[in-house]
């Protein structure tokens, strides 16, 4: 009985150790960067795309200053990759600029100068 109890305690300890080690290896980071978003349609588009990027836990665009905050798992993606993804949608992300053809895919109101 004692041997069985000790064996189950050891087994439980090993499982617990490996599970907590795996979970702690999945570090989350949060990054905030400026975008060229201008309106609610921009917010919807950016959040919709970014919230489905592998490793992203949440993405939210602040409508007051058009900054995007993204919480992500650093083992799955990086802040630079996230900026590139925003640029691929057609928006600037800090100093990462979108390609002209990606900007032209945006609705006219979301393109630069569309809300003047």
N, C-alpha and C. Protein backbone atom coordinates (compact mmCIF):
# COMPACT_ATOMS: atom_id res chain seq x y z
N UNK A 1 0.82 -1.19 0.00
CA UNK A 1 0.00 0.00 0.00
C UNK A 1 0.87 1.25 0.00
N UNK A 2 1.91 1.27 0.85
CA UNK A 2 2.79 2.43 0.91
C UNK A 2 3.52 2.63 -0.41
N UNK A 3 3.94 1.54 -1.04
CA UNK A 3 4.66 1.63 -2.30
C UNK A 3 3.74 2.22 -3.37
N UNK A 4 2.50 1.77 -3.41
CA UNK A 4 1.54 2.26 -4.38
C UNK A 4 1.27 3.75 -4.15
N UNK A 5 1.17 4.15 -2.91
CA UNK A 5 0.93 5.55 -2.57
C UNK A 5 2.12 6.41 -2.98
N UNK A 6 3.32 5.93 -2.68
CA UNK A 6 4.51 6.68 -3.06
C UNK A 6 4.64 6.79 -4.57
N UNK A 7 4.34 5.70 -5.29
CA UNK A 7 4.42 5.71 -6.74
C UNK A 7 3.43 6.71 -7.33
N UNK A 8 2.21 6.74 -6.82
CA UNK A 8 1.22 7.69 -7.34
C UNK A 8 1.61 9.13 -6.99
N UNK A 9 2.22 9.35 -5.83
CA UNK A 9 2.68 10.68 -5.45
C UNK A 9 3.80 11.14 -6.37
N UNK A 10 4.72 10.25 -6.66
CA UNK A 10 5.82 10.58 -7.57
C UNK A 10 5.28 10.86 -8.97
N UNK A 11 4.38 10.03 -9.44
CA UNK A 11 3.80 10.20 -10.76
C UNK A 11 3.05 11.54 -10.84
N UNK A 12 2.27 11.84 -9.84
CA UNK A 12 1.55 13.12 -9.80
C UNK A 12 2.52 14.29 -9.81
N UNK A 13 3.59 14.18 -9.03
CA UNK A 13 4.58 15.25 -8.96
C UNK A 13 5.25 15.47 -10.32
N UNK A 14 5.58 14.39 -11.01
CA UNK A 14 6.19 14.52 -12.33
C UNK A 14 5.24 15.18 -13.33
N UNK A 15 4.01 14.75 -13.35
CA UNK A 15 3.01 15.34 -14.26
C UNK A 15 2.84 16.82 -13.94
N UNK A 16 2.72 17.16 -12.67
CA UNK A 16 2.57 18.55 -12.26
C UNK A 16 3.78 19.38 -12.68
N UNK A 17 4.97 18.83 -12.48
CA UNK A 17 6.20 19.54 -12.83
C UNK A 17 6.27 19.83 -14.32
N UNK A 18 5.98 18.82 -15.15
CA UNK A 18 6.07 19.02 -16.59
C UNK A 18 4.97 19.94 -17.10
N UNK A 19 3.79 19.86 -16.54
CA UNK A 19 2.69 20.74 -16.98
C UNK A 19 2.99 22.20 -16.62
N UNK A 20 3.44 22.45 -15.42
CA UNK A 20 3.72 23.83 -15.04
C UNK A 20 4.93 24.35 -15.79
N UNK A 21 5.89 23.50 -16.08
CA UNK A 21 7.04 23.91 -16.88
C UNK A 21 6.63 24.30 -18.28
N UNK A 22 5.72 23.55 -18.89
CA UNK A 22 5.23 23.85 -20.23
C UNK A 22 4.45 25.15 -20.23
N UNK A 23 3.60 25.34 -19.25
CA UNK A 23 2.78 26.55 -19.20
C UNK A 23 3.63 27.78 -18.96
N UNK A 24 4.64 27.68 -18.14
CA UNK A 24 5.48 28.85 -17.89
C UNK A 24 6.36 29.16 -19.09
N UNK A 25 6.62 28.16 -19.94
CA UNK A 25 7.40 28.41 -21.15
C UNK A 25 6.59 29.20 -22.18
N UNK A 26 5.29 29.17 -22.06
CA UNK A 26 4.41 29.90 -22.97
C UNK A 26 4.24 31.33 -22.45
N UNK A 27 5.28 32.12 -22.52
CA UNK A 27 5.26 33.49 -22.02
C UNK A 27 4.37 34.37 -22.88
N UNK A 28 3.59 35.21 -22.22
CA UNK A 28 2.78 36.19 -22.93
C UNK A 28 3.46 37.55 -22.85
N UNK A 29 3.36 38.28 -23.93
CA UNK A 29 3.88 39.63 -23.99
C UNK A 29 2.77 40.53 -24.50
N UNK A 30 2.89 41.80 -24.20
CA UNK A 30 1.94 42.78 -24.70
C UNK A 30 2.72 43.88 -25.40
N UNK A 31 2.26 44.25 -26.57
CA UNK A 31 2.89 45.32 -27.34
C UNK A 31 1.80 46.31 -27.76
N UNK A 32 2.15 47.59 -27.78
CA UNK A 32 1.24 48.64 -28.25
C UNK A 32 1.98 49.45 -29.29
N UNK A 33 1.33 49.67 -30.43
CA UNK A 33 1.95 50.48 -31.46
C UNK A 33 0.90 51.32 -32.17
N UNK A 34 1.38 52.40 -32.80
CA UNK A 34 0.51 53.33 -33.51
C UNK A 34 0.16 52.78 -34.88
N UNK A 35 -1.07 53.03 -35.30
CA UNK A 35 -1.53 52.62 -36.62
C UNK A 35 -2.02 53.84 -37.39
N UNK A 36 -2.31 53.64 -38.65
CA UNK A 36 -2.89 54.69 -39.48
C UNK A 36 -4.40 54.54 -39.57
N UNK A 37 -5.00 53.78 -38.67
CA UNK A 37 -6.46 53.61 -38.65
C UNK A 37 -7.14 54.96 -38.46
N UNK A 38 -8.37 55.08 -39.00
CA UNK A 38 -9.07 56.36 -38.95
C UNK A 38 -10.49 56.28 -38.42
N UNK A 39 -11.09 55.09 -38.46
CA UNK A 39 -12.52 55.03 -38.13
C UNK A 39 -12.90 53.67 -37.54
N UNK A 40 -14.18 53.52 -37.27
CA UNK A 40 -14.69 52.28 -36.72
C UNK A 40 -14.53 51.10 -37.66
N UNK A 41 -14.63 51.35 -38.96
CA UNK A 41 -14.41 50.26 -39.93
C UNK A 41 -12.97 49.77 -39.87
N UNK A 42 -12.04 50.69 -39.68
CA UNK A 42 -10.63 50.32 -39.54
C UNK A 42 -10.46 49.45 -38.30
N UNK A 43 -11.08 49.86 -37.21
CA UNK A 43 -11.00 49.12 -35.95
C UNK A 43 -11.49 47.70 -36.14
N UNK A 44 -12.66 47.55 -36.75
CA UNK A 44 -13.23 46.22 -36.98
C UNK A 44 -12.31 45.35 -37.83
N UNK A 45 -11.79 45.93 -38.90
CA UNK A 45 -10.94 45.18 -39.82
C UNK A 45 -9.65 44.73 -39.12
N UNK A 46 -9.00 45.64 -38.45
CA UNK A 46 -7.73 45.31 -37.79
C UNK A 46 -7.93 44.27 -36.69
N UNK A 47 -8.92 44.49 -35.83
CA UNK A 47 -9.16 43.54 -34.73
C UNK A 47 -9.58 42.17 -35.26
N UNK A 48 -10.40 42.15 -36.29
CA UNK A 48 -10.85 40.87 -36.85
C UNK A 48 -9.67 40.04 -37.36
N UNK A 49 -8.78 40.69 -38.08
CA UNK A 49 -7.61 39.96 -38.60
C UNK A 49 -6.66 39.58 -37.48
N UNK A 50 -6.33 40.54 -36.63
CA UNK A 50 -5.30 40.31 -35.62
C UNK A 50 -5.72 39.29 -34.55
N UNK A 51 -7.00 39.24 -34.24
CA UNK A 51 -7.44 38.29 -33.22
C UNK A 51 -7.41 36.84 -33.70
N UNK A 52 -7.16 36.62 -35.00
CA UNK A 52 -7.05 35.26 -35.52
C UNK A 52 -5.62 34.90 -35.92
N UNK A 53 -4.67 35.74 -35.59
CA UNK A 53 -3.27 35.42 -35.84
C UNK A 53 -2.83 34.37 -34.80
N UNK A 54 -2.21 33.28 -35.25
CA UNK A 54 -1.76 32.27 -34.28
C UNK A 54 -0.86 32.88 -33.21
N UNK A 55 -1.19 32.60 -31.96
CA UNK A 55 -0.42 33.11 -30.83
C UNK A 55 -1.00 34.37 -30.21
N UNK A 56 -1.89 35.06 -30.93
CA UNK A 56 -2.49 36.28 -30.39
C UNK A 56 -3.61 35.91 -29.43
N UNK A 57 -3.55 36.47 -28.24
CA UNK A 57 -4.58 36.22 -27.24
C UNK A 57 -5.68 37.26 -27.31
N UNK A 58 -5.32 38.51 -27.60
CA UNK A 58 -6.31 39.54 -27.90
C UNK A 58 -5.63 40.71 -28.58
N UNK A 59 -6.42 41.41 -29.38
CA UNK A 59 -5.95 42.63 -30.04
C UNK A 59 -7.07 43.64 -29.95
N UNK A 60 -6.73 44.86 -29.53
CA UNK A 60 -7.75 45.91 -29.38
C UNK A 60 -7.19 47.24 -29.85
N UNK A 61 -7.95 47.91 -30.72
CA UNK A 61 -7.57 49.22 -31.22
C UNK A 61 -8.25 50.29 -30.38
N UNK A 62 -7.45 51.18 -29.82
CA UNK A 62 -7.96 52.31 -29.04
C UNK A 62 -8.38 53.40 -30.02
N UNK A 63 -9.66 53.74 -30.03
CA UNK A 63 -10.19 54.70 -31.00
C UNK A 63 -9.76 56.13 -30.70
N UNK A 64 -9.34 56.42 -29.49
CA UNK A 64 -8.94 57.79 -29.17
C UNK A 64 -7.61 58.15 -29.82
N UNK A 65 -6.64 57.26 -29.73
CA UNK A 65 -5.32 57.58 -30.30
C UNK A 65 -4.90 56.61 -31.41
N UNK A 66 -5.79 55.71 -31.80
CA UNK A 66 -5.56 54.73 -32.87
C UNK A 66 -4.34 53.84 -32.63
N UNK A 67 -4.10 53.54 -31.35
CA UNK A 67 -3.01 52.63 -31.01
C UNK A 67 -3.59 51.22 -30.86
N UNK A 68 -2.84 50.26 -31.30
CA UNK A 68 -3.24 48.86 -31.23
C UNK A 68 -2.46 48.17 -30.13
N UNK A 69 -3.18 47.54 -29.22
CA UNK A 69 -2.56 46.75 -28.15
C UNK A 69 -2.81 45.29 -28.45
N UNK A 70 -1.75 44.50 -28.44
CA UNK A 70 -1.85 43.07 -28.75
C UNK A 70 -1.15 42.28 -27.66
N UNK A 71 -1.86 41.32 -27.09
CA UNK A 71 -1.25 40.37 -26.15
C UNK A 71 -1.05 39.08 -26.92
N UNK A 72 0.17 38.54 -26.84
CA UNK A 72 0.49 37.38 -27.66
C UNK A 72 1.47 36.46 -26.95
N UNK A 73 1.52 35.22 -27.42
CA UNK A 73 2.47 34.24 -26.90
C UNK A 73 3.76 34.35 -27.70
N UNK A 74 4.83 34.66 -27.01
CA UNK A 74 6.11 34.93 -27.67
C UNK A 74 6.71 33.70 -28.36
N UNK A 75 6.24 32.52 -28.02
CA UNK A 75 6.73 31.30 -28.69
C UNK A 75 6.09 31.15 -30.07
N UNK A 76 4.95 31.82 -30.28
CA UNK A 76 4.19 31.66 -31.53
C UNK A 76 4.43 32.79 -32.53
N UNK A 77 4.68 34.00 -32.05
CA UNK A 77 4.84 35.15 -32.93
C UNK A 77 5.68 36.21 -32.22
N UNK A 78 5.95 37.28 -32.92
CA UNK A 78 6.76 38.35 -32.34
C UNK A 78 6.09 39.70 -32.62
N UNK A 79 6.55 40.72 -31.92
CA UNK A 79 6.02 42.07 -32.13
C UNK A 79 6.28 42.53 -33.56
N UNK A 80 7.44 42.21 -34.10
CA UNK A 80 7.75 42.59 -35.49
C UNK A 80 6.81 41.90 -36.48
N UNK A 81 6.54 40.62 -36.25
CA UNK A 81 5.60 39.89 -37.12
C UNK A 81 4.20 40.50 -37.04
N UNK A 82 3.81 40.94 -35.85
CA UNK A 82 2.48 41.55 -35.69
C UNK A 82 2.41 42.88 -36.44
N UNK A 83 3.47 43.66 -36.38
CA UNK A 83 3.50 44.92 -37.13
C UNK A 83 3.41 44.65 -38.64
N UNK A 84 4.11 43.64 -39.11
CA UNK A 84 4.07 43.27 -40.52
C UNK A 84 2.67 42.81 -40.92
N UNK A 85 1.99 42.13 -40.02
CA UNK A 85 0.63 41.66 -40.32
C UNK A 85 -0.31 42.85 -40.46
N UNK A 86 -0.18 43.85 -39.59
CA UNK A 86 -1.01 45.05 -39.69
C UNK A 86 -0.72 45.75 -41.02
N UNK A 87 0.54 45.83 -41.40
CA UNK A 87 0.91 46.46 -42.67
C UNK A 87 0.33 45.69 -43.85
N UNK A 88 0.24 44.38 -43.74
CA UNK A 88 -0.31 43.57 -44.84
C UNK A 88 -1.81 43.80 -45.01
N UNK A 89 -2.47 44.32 -43.97
CA UNK A 89 -3.89 44.66 -44.05
C UNK A 89 -4.06 46.00 -44.78
N UNK A 90 -3.02 46.84 -44.74
CA UNK A 90 -3.07 48.13 -45.42
C UNK A 90 -2.84 49.33 -44.52
N UNK A 91 -2.46 49.09 -43.28
CA UNK A 91 -2.26 50.17 -42.31
C UNK A 91 -0.80 50.23 -41.88
N UNK A 92 -0.34 51.42 -41.48
CA UNK A 92 0.99 51.51 -40.91
C UNK A 92 0.94 50.95 -39.48
N UNK A 93 2.08 50.47 -39.04
CA UNK A 93 2.22 49.97 -37.67
C UNK A 93 3.57 50.45 -37.18
N UNK A 94 3.55 51.55 -36.42
CA UNK A 94 4.78 52.25 -36.04
C UNK A 94 5.52 52.63 -37.32
N UNK A 95 6.74 52.12 -37.49
CA UNK A 95 7.51 52.50 -38.68
C UNK A 95 7.40 51.50 -39.83
N UNK A 96 6.54 50.50 -39.70
CA UNK A 96 6.33 49.52 -40.76
C UNK A 96 5.22 50.03 -41.67
N UNK A 97 5.57 50.27 -42.92
CA UNK A 97 4.63 50.84 -43.87
C UNK A 97 3.99 49.75 -44.73
N UNK A 98 2.72 49.93 -45.07
CA UNK A 98 2.05 48.95 -45.94
C UNK A 98 2.45 49.14 -47.39
N UNK A 99 2.29 48.11 -48.19
CA UNK A 99 2.48 48.22 -49.63
C UNK A 99 1.31 49.00 -50.20
N UNK A 100 1.57 49.74 -51.26
CA UNK A 100 0.54 50.57 -51.87
C UNK A 100 -0.67 49.75 -52.32
N UNK A 101 -0.42 48.56 -52.85
CA UNK A 101 -1.54 47.72 -53.30
C UNK A 101 -2.41 47.26 -52.14
N UNK A 102 -1.82 47.09 -50.95
CA UNK A 102 -2.62 46.71 -49.77
C UNK A 102 -3.47 47.89 -49.30
N UNK A 103 -2.93 49.09 -49.37
CA UNK A 103 -3.70 50.29 -48.99
C UNK A 103 -4.88 50.46 -49.94
N UNK A 104 -4.68 50.21 -51.23
CA UNK A 104 -5.74 50.39 -52.22
C UNK A 104 -6.87 49.38 -52.06
N UNK A 105 -6.63 48.28 -51.36
CA UNK A 105 -7.67 47.28 -51.09
C UNK A 105 -8.64 47.75 -50.00
N UNK A 106 -8.23 48.75 -49.21
CA UNK A 106 -9.10 49.27 -48.15
C UNK A 106 -10.24 50.07 -48.74
N UNK A 107 -11.38 50.15 -48.04
CA UNK A 107 -12.44 51.05 -48.49
C UNK A 107 -11.89 52.47 -48.58
N UNK A 108 -12.45 53.29 -49.45
CA UNK A 108 -11.93 54.64 -49.64
C UNK A 108 -11.86 55.43 -48.35
N UNK A 109 -12.86 55.26 -47.46
CA UNK A 109 -12.85 56.03 -46.22
C UNK A 109 -11.71 55.62 -45.30
N UNK A 110 -11.16 54.42 -45.47
CA UNK A 110 -10.08 53.94 -44.62
C UNK A 110 -8.70 54.22 -45.19
N UNK A 111 -8.65 54.66 -46.43
CA UNK A 111 -7.37 55.00 -47.04
C UNK A 111 -6.91 56.35 -46.51
N UNK A 112 -5.60 56.60 -46.54
CA UNK A 112 -5.09 57.88 -46.04
C UNK A 112 -5.83 59.08 -46.67
N UNK A 113 -6.28 59.99 -45.82
CA UNK A 113 -7.02 61.15 -46.29
C UNK A 113 -8.49 60.91 -46.53
N UNK A 114 -8.96 59.71 -46.25
CA UNK A 114 -10.35 59.37 -46.49
C UNK A 114 -11.35 60.04 -45.57
N UNK A 115 -10.90 60.59 -44.47
CA UNK A 115 -11.80 61.23 -43.50
C UNK A 115 -11.55 62.73 -43.40
N UNK A 116 -11.15 63.36 -44.50
CA UNK A 116 -10.92 64.80 -44.47
C UNK A 116 -12.14 65.53 -44.90
